[in-house]
């Protein structure tokens, strides 16, 4: 007769697989970010990432004239990888005779906690968008309105209609969007073309994502973001690591999950911030 022991039920490798598989679906804004795993297993935690400035348009060159080359201007962004982690504690009784699936629930809770942290970091990065890609409403007493989304799109310039776009809005702004006659499409009409899980509709060519994290204490404090895929990058330094430990004094089992990563604005031309006019 086989005996089921705690060591059979607590398998870090199995839990790691469970968490990793759930993470991509749980990170809500993952489709907007390019995930880079090339640094997994590489040394160092501070990364200098190069970027290049446009060399300018070509000019007419007369016959016999000499072309003067220009230097390729480079810039760089320095980011530091950090660790995010969460853990749960389960008693022997919970694991061996608890209702439901305690181990599966632990894996789901850890995955959700890590995913929410990554989403929060993406929104923090979007909050740092430069003024050149920030659209301000007409007055400090005017909250973000659906029409501001249309006006803000002009910041994309000639690329206004290039590529897919997502607008992340607060619940209040979503309510205003739904009351906008003739300019928005409900989720049922974009089901086959959804870019991000949870898109609730479309307005001005932007799929709509609602986030409580954009809800300010007042309507004026809220912000909205228009984002094209590839605007953000998430660099993974290490996949999710699940570790376990046992306290032999109170017979509890600690399960922790951690991930080393960093989010940053990879292409500033693909993201717009909408906010009430600053004072």
Protein backbone atom coordinates (compact mmCIF):
# COMPACT_ATOMS: atom_id res chain seq x y z
CA UNK A 1 0.00 0.00 0.00
CA UNK A 2 1.42 3.34 -1.11
CA UNK A 3 1.58 6.06 1.50
CA UNK A 4 0.84 9.67 0.52
CA UNK A 5 3.29 11.97 2.28
CA UNK A 6 3.86 15.72 2.30
CA UNK A 7 6.89 15.24 0.09
CA UNK A 8 4.58 13.75 -2.56
CA UNK A 9 2.21 16.69 -2.36
CA UNK A 10 4.74 19.53 -2.15
CA UNK A 11 6.78 19.30 -5.34
CA UNK A 12 8.54 22.60 -6.12
CA UNK A 13 9.17 21.65 -9.76
CA UNK A 14 5.50 20.86 -10.35
CA UNK A 15 4.44 24.07 -8.59
CA UNK A 16 6.95 26.09 -10.64
CA UNK A 17 5.43 24.76 -13.85
CA UNK A 18 1.94 25.55 -12.61
CA UNK A 19 2.85 29.12 -11.70
CA UNK A 20 4.80 29.80 -14.90
CA UNK A 21 1.96 28.55 -17.11
CA UNK A 22 -0.57 30.74 -15.31
CA UNK A 23 1.60 33.85 -15.25
CA UNK A 24 1.39 34.84 -18.92
CA UNK A 25 -2.41 34.72 -18.87
CA UNK A 26 -2.60 36.56 -15.55
CA UNK A 27 -0.31 39.44 -16.55
CA UNK A 28 -3.05 41.52 -18.10
CA UNK A 29 -0.85 43.90 -20.06
CA UNK A 30 1.55 41.20 -21.31
CA UNK A 31 0.41 41.55 -24.96
CA UNK A 32 1.56 45.18 -24.89
CA UNK A 33 5.09 44.27 -23.84
CA UNK A 34 7.91 42.45 -25.52
CA UNK A 35 9.21 39.80 -23.14
CA UNK A 36 12.98 39.34 -23.36
CA UNK A 37 14.39 36.10 -21.91
CA UNK A 38 17.88 36.39 -23.43
CA UNK A 39 19.42 37.43 -20.10
CA UNK A 40 18.16 34.41 -18.17
CA UNK A 41 21.22 32.81 -16.61
CA UNK A 42 23.55 35.67 -17.53
CA UNK A 43 25.56 37.52 -14.82
CA UNK A 44 24.89 41.06 -13.62
CA UNK A 45 21.74 42.93 -12.57
CA UNK A 46 22.28 46.41 -14.08
CA UNK A 47 21.61 46.63 -17.79
CA UNK A 48 22.49 49.42 -20.20
CA UNK A 49 20.17 49.27 -23.16
CA UNK A 50 21.07 51.17 -26.34
CA UNK A 51 18.74 53.27 -28.48
CA UNK A 52 19.38 55.29 -31.60
CA UNK A 53 18.27 58.72 -32.78
CA UNK A 54 17.06 59.32 -36.34
CA UNK A 55 19.86 60.65 -38.61
CA UNK A 56 17.49 62.96 -40.50
CA UNK A 57 15.98 62.90 -43.97
CA UNK A 58 18.10 62.55 -47.05
CA UNK A 59 18.92 65.75 -48.99
CA UNK A 60 19.42 66.57 -52.65
CA UNK A 61 23.07 66.15 -53.68
CA UNK A 62 24.19 68.00 -56.79
CA UNK A 63 26.39 66.46 -59.48
CA UNK A 64 30.01 66.38 -58.36
CA UNK A 65 29.10 67.36 -54.81
CA UNK A 66 30.55 65.50 -51.87
CA UNK A 67 28.27 63.84 -49.39
CA UNK A 68 29.01 64.72 -45.78
CA UNK A 69 28.21 61.76 -43.54
CA UNK A 70 26.64 62.30 -40.14
CA UNK A 71 27.36 60.48 -36.93
CA UNK A 72 24.94 57.87 -35.71
CA UNK A 73 23.66 59.31 -32.44
CA UNK A 74 23.17 56.82 -29.68
CA UNK A 75 21.51 57.03 -26.32
CA UNK A 76 21.04 54.53 -23.58
CA UNK A 77 18.71 53.59 -20.77
CA UNK A 78 20.00 51.95 -17.62
CA UNK A 79 17.69 49.62 -15.74
CA UNK A 80 18.27 47.42 -12.72
CA UNK A 81 16.74 43.99 -12.46
CA UNK A 82 14.98 43.35 -9.16
CA UNK A 83 13.34 40.46 -7.40
CA UNK A 84 9.60 40.24 -6.76
CA UNK A 85 8.29 37.55 -4.46
CA UNK A 86 5.31 36.22 -2.51
CA UNK A 87 4.80 33.31 -0.17
CA UNK A 88 2.06 31.35 1.60
CA UNK A 89 2.04 29.08 4.62
CA UNK A 90 0.02 25.86 4.79
CA UNK A 91 -0.50 23.56 7.72
CA UNK A 92 -0.13 19.79 7.38
CA UNK A 93 -3.85 19.43 7.94
CA UNK A 94 -4.67 21.88 5.14
CA UNK A 95 -2.50 20.00 2.69
CA UNK A 96 -3.45 16.44 3.65
CA UNK A 97 -7.16 16.80 4.29
CA UNK A 98 -8.18 20.30 3.27
CA UNK A 99 -11.20 20.84 1.05
CA UNK A 100 -10.58 21.73 -2.56
CA UNK A 101 -7.01 21.93 -3.83
CA UNK A 102 -4.80 23.79 -1.32
CA UNK A 103 -1.61 23.27 -3.34
CA UNK A 104 -3.25 24.40 -6.56
CA UNK A 105 -4.71 27.40 -4.77
CA UNK A 106 -1.28 28.28 -3.38
CA UNK A 107 0.20 28.16 -6.88
CA UNK A 108 -2.62 30.32 -8.26
CA UNK A 109 -2.32 32.88 -5.47
CA UNK A 110 1.44 33.19 -5.93
CA UNK A 111 1.04 33.53 -9.71
CA UNK A 112 -1.66 36.18 -9.26
CA UNK A 113 0.49 38.13 -6.80
CA UNK A 114 3.48 38.16 -9.16
CA UNK A 115 1.32 39.01 -12.18
CA UNK A 116 -0.29 41.95 -10.39
CA UNK A 117 3.13 43.27 -9.42
CA UNK A 118 4.33 43.12 -13.04
CA UNK A 119 1.14 44.89 -14.18
CA UNK A 120 1.70 47.59 -11.54
CA UNK A 121 5.26 48.09 -12.77
CA UNK A 122 4.05 48.46 -16.36
CA UNK A 123 1.59 51.16 -15.28
CA UNK A 124 4.34 52.91 -13.31
CA UNK A 125 6.50 52.94 -16.43
CA UNK A 126 3.62 54.37 -18.48
CA UNK A 127 3.17 57.03 -15.80
CA UNK A 128 6.67 58.31 -16.56
CA UNK A 129 5.91 59.02 -20.24
CA UNK A 130 7.62 62.21 -21.40
CA UNK A 131 5.69 65.44 -21.93
CA UNK A 132 6.11 65.15 -25.70
CA UNK A 133 3.79 62.13 -25.63
CA UNK A 134 1.43 63.47 -22.95
CA UNK A 135 -1.95 64.95 -23.86
CA UNK A 136 -3.54 67.29 -21.33
CA UNK A 137 -7.24 68.09 -21.18
CA UNK A 138 -8.33 71.70 -21.61
CA UNK A 139 -8.83 72.55 -17.94
CA UNK A 140 -7.83 71.38 -14.48
CA UNK A 141 -11.54 71.13 -13.72
CA UNK A 142 -12.18 68.82 -16.68
CA UNK A 143 -11.75 65.08 -16.24
CA UNK A 144 -10.51 62.87 -19.06
CA UNK A 145 -13.32 62.50 -21.62
CA UNK A 146 -13.83 60.09 -24.54
CA UNK A 147 -13.10 62.93 -26.99
CA UNK A 148 -9.66 63.34 -25.38
CA UNK A 149 -8.75 59.86 -26.63
CA UNK A 150 -9.42 60.96 -30.20
CA UNK A 151 -7.43 64.17 -29.76
CA UNK A 152 -4.52 62.43 -28.02
CA UNK A 153 -4.08 60.03 -30.94
CA UNK A 154 -2.66 62.95 -32.92
CA UNK A 155 0.55 62.56 -30.90
CA UNK A 156 1.26 59.44 -32.95
CA UNK A 157 1.63 61.77 -35.96
CA UNK A 158 1.64 60.01 -39.31
CA UNK A 159 1.57 56.68 -37.47
CA UNK A 160 -1.86 57.44 -36.00
CA UNK A 161 -3.47 54.58 -37.93
CA UNK A 162 -0.44 52.27 -37.93
CA UNK A 163 -0.70 49.10 -35.86
CA UNK A 164 -3.07 47.96 -33.16
CA UNK A 165 -3.75 50.16 -30.13
CA UNK A 166 -5.13 49.68 -26.64
CA UNK A 167 -6.50 52.40 -24.40
CA UNK A 168 -6.36 51.68 -20.66
CA UNK A 169 -9.06 53.62 -18.81
CA UNK A 170 -10.62 53.96 -15.37
CA UNK A 171 -14.13 52.61 -14.66
CA UNK A 172 -15.49 56.17 -14.66
CA UNK A 173 -14.06 56.92 -18.08
CA UNK A 174 -15.39 53.61 -19.42
CA UNK A 175 -18.88 54.62 -18.30
CA UNK A 176 -18.48 57.88 -20.21
CA UNK A 177 -17.30 55.94 -23.27
CA UNK A 178 -20.37 53.69 -23.20
CA UNK A 179 -22.56 56.80 -23.19
CA UNK A 180 -20.83 58.09 -26.31
CA UNK A 181 -23.22 57.50 -29.18
CA UNK A 182 -21.91 56.03 -32.41
CA UNK A 183 -18.17 56.09 -31.66
CA UNK A 184 -17.59 52.92 -29.68
CA UNK A 185 -18.03 49.22 -30.41
CA UNK A 186 -19.01 46.75 -27.68
CA UNK A 187 -16.91 43.67 -26.95
CA UNK A 188 -19.25 41.43 -28.95
CA UNK A 189 -18.25 43.25 -32.15
CA UNK A 190 -14.47 42.89 -31.67
CA UNK A 191 -14.38 39.40 -30.13
CA UNK A 192 -12.32 37.86 -32.94
CA UNK A 193 -9.77 40.69 -32.97
CA UNK A 194 -9.09 41.19 -29.26
CA UNK A 195 -5.47 42.03 -28.61
CA UNK A 196 -5.63 41.92 -24.82
CA UNK A 197 -7.62 39.54 -22.64
CA UNK A 198 -10.50 41.42 -21.06
CA UNK A 199 -10.95 44.05 -23.77
CA UNK A 200 -14.48 45.41 -23.30
CA UNK A 201 -14.91 47.24 -26.58
CA UNK A 202 -13.27 49.66 -28.98
CA UNK A 203 -13.26 53.42 -29.51
CA UNK A 204 -11.44 55.42 -32.18
CA UNK A 205 -9.61 52.26 -33.26
CA UNK A 206 -8.36 51.52 -29.73
CA UNK A 207 -9.38 48.41 -27.84
CA UNK A 208 -10.57 49.33 -24.34
CA UNK A 209 -9.15 47.86 -21.14
CA UNK A 210 -10.64 48.92 -17.80
CA UNK A 211 -8.36 49.09 -14.76
CA UNK A 212 -9.22 50.05 -11.19
CA UNK A 213 -5.56 51.00 -10.81
CA UNK A 214 -6.20 54.18 -12.84
CA UNK A 215 -8.99 55.35 -10.56
CA UNK A 216 -7.98 58.49 -8.68
CA UNK A 217 -9.64 59.98 -5.62
CA UNK A 218 -11.29 62.46 -7.96
CA UNK A 219 -12.09 62.35 -11.67
CA UNK A 220 -9.41 64.95 -12.36
CA UNK A 221 -6.69 62.77 -10.83
CA UNK A 222 -7.32 59.80 -13.12
CA UNK A 223 -5.20 59.13 -16.20
CA UNK A 224 -5.56 57.03 -19.33
CA UNK A 225 -2.95 55.45 -21.58
CA UNK A 226 -2.97 54.63 -25.28
CA UNK A 227 -0.45 51.89 -25.93
CA UNK A 228 0.74 50.04 -29.01
CA UNK A 229 2.28 46.57 -28.70
CA UNK A 230 6.03 46.83 -28.26
CA UNK A 231 5.94 50.06 -26.30
CA UNK A 232 7.02 48.23 -23.17
CA UNK A 233 9.63 45.59 -22.59
CA UNK A 234 9.87 43.14 -19.72
CA UNK A 235 13.32 41.67 -19.24
CA UNK A 236 13.32 38.36 -17.41
CA UNK A 237 16.51 37.50 -15.57
CA UNK A 238 15.19 34.33 -14.00
CA UNK A 239 12.00 32.34 -14.47
CA UNK A 240 9.69 31.88 -11.52
CA UNK A 241 11.43 29.97 -8.74
CA UNK A 242 9.31 28.05 -6.27
CA UNK A 243 10.95 27.10 -2.98
CA UNK A 244 9.59 25.30 0.06
CA UNK A 245 10.60 25.03 3.69
CA UNK A 246 9.13 23.33 6.71
CA UNK A 247 8.81 24.55 10.28
CA UNK A 248 9.08 21.44 12.42
CA UNK A 249 7.89 23.29 15.53
CA UNK A 250 4.41 24.26 14.34
CA UNK A 251 4.19 21.75 11.44
CA UNK A 252 3.60 24.35 8.73
CA UNK A 253 4.96 24.47 5.22
CA UNK A 254 6.08 27.70 3.60
CA UNK A 255 5.90 27.99 -0.18
CA UNK A 256 7.46 31.02 -1.86
CA UNK A 257 7.63 32.19 -5.44
CA UNK A 258 10.07 34.74 -6.84
CA UNK A 259 11.00 36.20 -10.20
CA UNK A 260 13.83 38.50 -11.25
CA UNK A 261 12.67 41.02 -13.86
CA UNK A 262 12.44 44.67 -14.85
CA UNK A 263 9.95 46.66 -16.95
CA UNK A 264 10.86 49.73 -18.97
CA UNK A 265 9.62 51.94 -21.80
CA UNK A 266 11.22 50.37 -24.85
CA UNK A 267 9.68 52.54 -27.60
CA UNK A 268 8.46 55.92 -26.37
CA UNK A 269 6.79 56.65 -29.72
CA UNK A 270 4.22 53.91 -29.09
CA UNK A 271 2.66 55.17 -25.84
CA UNK A 272 0.56 58.21 -24.95
CA UNK A 273 -0.48 59.48 -21.54
CA UNK A 274 -3.76 61.37 -21.15
CA UNK A 275 -4.28 63.49 -18.03
CA UNK A 276 -6.00 66.62 -16.76
CA UNK A 277 -4.01 69.76 -17.44
CA UNK A 278 -1.30 70.33 -14.83
CA UNK A 279 -1.42 73.54 -12.82
